[in-house]
Amino acid sequence: AHRVIPATNIGNSLGLVRENMVHYLMLKLDCCRTAKWVFDLATETFSGLCKDTDYIKDAQVLSNCIQRDGNADILIILQLKDKAALNQYLAHPVHIAFAKKVDPYLMKRTSFDWCK
């Protein structure tokens, strides 16, 4: 039997502050050969954004370990200060530059925003 954990418990178990917003970005690349390059670029980009802004509290860049057609290749998780921080992040020149570099290699981009 599967156990479903309510979102409030998931957030608390992740140590999220209730005012925070979490932005999930899943990237499906057109070729697995570009995954390492995109992963490295994302790690550098989002590490820099964490240091340079006060509204991105934390960032994680994860690479999928199972190659399947339906899976994303890269997952980026951003802990944002609040909902307003999402628009600040989306308009940031570093984010825009990252998107322009990566877009030609994407088959699909999916995002999910969660807040309490």
Protein backbone atom coordinates (compact mmCIF):
# COMPACT_ATOMS: atom_id res chain seq x y z
CA ALA A 1 0.00 0.00 0.00
CA HIS A 2 1.22 3.47 -0.81
CA ARG A 3 1.17 6.20 1.76
CA VAL A 4 0.31 9.73 0.63
CA ILE A 5 1.83 12.52 2.69
CA PRO A 6 -0.19 15.76 2.67
CA ALA A 7 1.69 18.71 1.16
CA THR A 8 1.83 20.50 4.52
CA ASN A 9 3.73 17.56 5.99
CA ILE A 10 6.04 17.33 2.99
CA GLY A 11 6.90 21.01 3.32
CA ASN A 12 7.54 20.68 7.02
CA SER A 13 9.71 17.59 6.53
CA LEU A 14 11.79 19.52 3.98
CA GLY A 15 12.33 22.30 6.50
CA LEU A 16 10.54 24.90 4.41
CA VAL A 17 9.51 28.14 6.03
CA ARG A 18 5.80 28.68 5.48
CA GLU A 19 6.29 31.99 3.62
CA ASN A 20 8.66 30.39 1.12
CA MET A 21 7.80 29.42 -2.39
CA VAL A 22 9.45 26.53 -4.19
CA HIS A 23 9.96 26.73 -7.95
CA TYR A 24 10.64 23.41 -9.68
CA LEU A 25 12.00 23.45 -13.21
CA MET A 26 12.25 20.19 -15.16
CA LEU A 27 14.21 20.15 -18.40
CA LYS A 28 13.99 17.43 -21.06
CA LEU A 29 16.94 17.74 -23.43
CA ASP A 30 16.99 16.80 -27.10
CA CYS A 31 20.14 14.72 -26.66
CA CYS A 32 21.72 13.07 -23.62
CA ARG A 33 25.16 14.32 -24.78
CA THR A 34 24.21 17.86 -23.73
CA ALA A 35 23.06 16.83 -20.21
CA LYS A 36 26.48 17.28 -18.57
CA TRP A 37 26.95 20.70 -20.18
CA VAL A 38 23.46 21.88 -19.13
CA PHE A 39 23.95 20.45 -15.63
CA ASP A 40 27.27 22.30 -15.21
CA LEU A 41 25.86 25.53 -16.63
CA ALA A 42 22.79 25.31 -14.37
CA THR A 43 24.93 24.59 -11.31
CA GLU A 44 27.12 27.62 -12.01
CA THR A 45 24.19 29.87 -12.91
CA PHE A 46 21.98 29.09 -9.94
CA SER A 47 24.84 29.05 -7.45
CA GLY A 48 25.65 32.58 -8.60
CA LEU A 49 22.03 33.70 -8.36
CA CYS A 50 21.85 32.44 -4.77
CA LYS A 51 24.89 34.51 -3.86
CA ASP A 52 23.85 37.61 -5.79
CA THR A 53 20.19 37.90 -4.77
CA ASP A 54 18.37 38.07 -1.46
CA TYR A 55 15.20 36.46 -2.81
CA ILE A 56 16.65 33.10 -3.91
CA LYS A 57 17.35 31.33 -0.65
CA ASP A 58 18.68 28.04 -2.02
CA ALA A 59 19.07 26.19 -5.30
CA GLN A 60 19.59 22.55 -6.16
CA VAL A 61 20.45 21.17 -9.57
CA LEU A 62 19.85 17.45 -9.98
CA SER A 63 20.58 15.11 -12.86
CA ASN A 64 18.27 12.19 -13.56
CA CYS A 65 19.91 8.79 -13.08
CA ILE A 66 17.43 6.85 -15.25
CA GLN A 67 17.26 7.63 -18.98
CA ARG A 68 13.68 7.20 -20.18
CA ASP A 69 11.73 9.09 -22.81
CA GLY A 70 9.20 10.36 -20.26
CA ASN A 71 11.75 11.55 -17.70
CA ALA A 72 13.22 15.01 -17.40
CA ASP A 73 17.02 15.09 -17.60
CA ILE A 74 17.63 18.01 -15.23
CA LEU A 75 15.63 19.18 -12.20
CA ILE A 76 16.27 22.62 -10.73
CA ILE A 77 14.71 23.40 -7.35
CA LEU A 78 14.71 27.01 -6.19
CA GLN A 79 13.70 28.05 -2.68
CA LEU A 80 12.31 31.55 -3.12
CA LYS A 81 11.60 34.14 -0.46
CA ASP A 82 7.95 34.52 -1.51
CA LYS A 83 5.64 34.62 -4.53
CA ALA A 84 6.91 38.04 -5.62
CA ALA A 85 10.42 36.59 -5.85
CA LEU A 86 9.38 34.43 -8.80
CA ASN A 87 8.87 37.47 -11.04
CA GLN A 88 12.18 38.95 -9.87
CA TYR A 89 13.95 35.70 -10.72
CA LEU A 90 12.26 35.36 -14.12
CA ALA A 91 13.28 38.92 -15.07
CA HIS A 92 16.88 38.59 -13.81
CA PRO A 93 19.42 38.99 -16.66
CA VAL A 94 21.36 35.89 -15.53
CA HIS A 95 18.21 33.75 -15.71
CA ILE A 96 17.37 35.15 -19.14
CA ALA A 97 20.90 34.44 -20.40
CA PHE A 98 20.71 30.86 -19.06
CA ALA A 99 17.38 30.29 -20.81
CA LYS A 100 18.72 31.62 -24.13
CA LYS A 101 21.73 29.29 -23.95
CA VAL A 102 19.70 26.20 -23.02
CA ASP A 103 16.53 26.70 -25.10
CA PRO A 104 18.00 25.37 -28.37
CA TYR A 105 18.69 22.02 -26.65
CA LEU A 106 15.30 21.59 -24.97
CA MET A 107 12.55 19.24 -26.04
CA LYS A 108 10.37 20.25 -23.10
CA ARG A 109 10.39 22.57 -20.11
CA THR A 110 7.97 22.08 -17.24
CA SER A 111 7.70 24.15 -14.10
CA PHE A 112 5.74 23.72 -10.90
CA ASP A 113 5.38 26.34 -8.16
CA TRP A 114 4.46 25.41 -4.64
CA CYS A 115 3.79 27.62 -1.66
CA LYS A 116 1.99 27.35 1.64
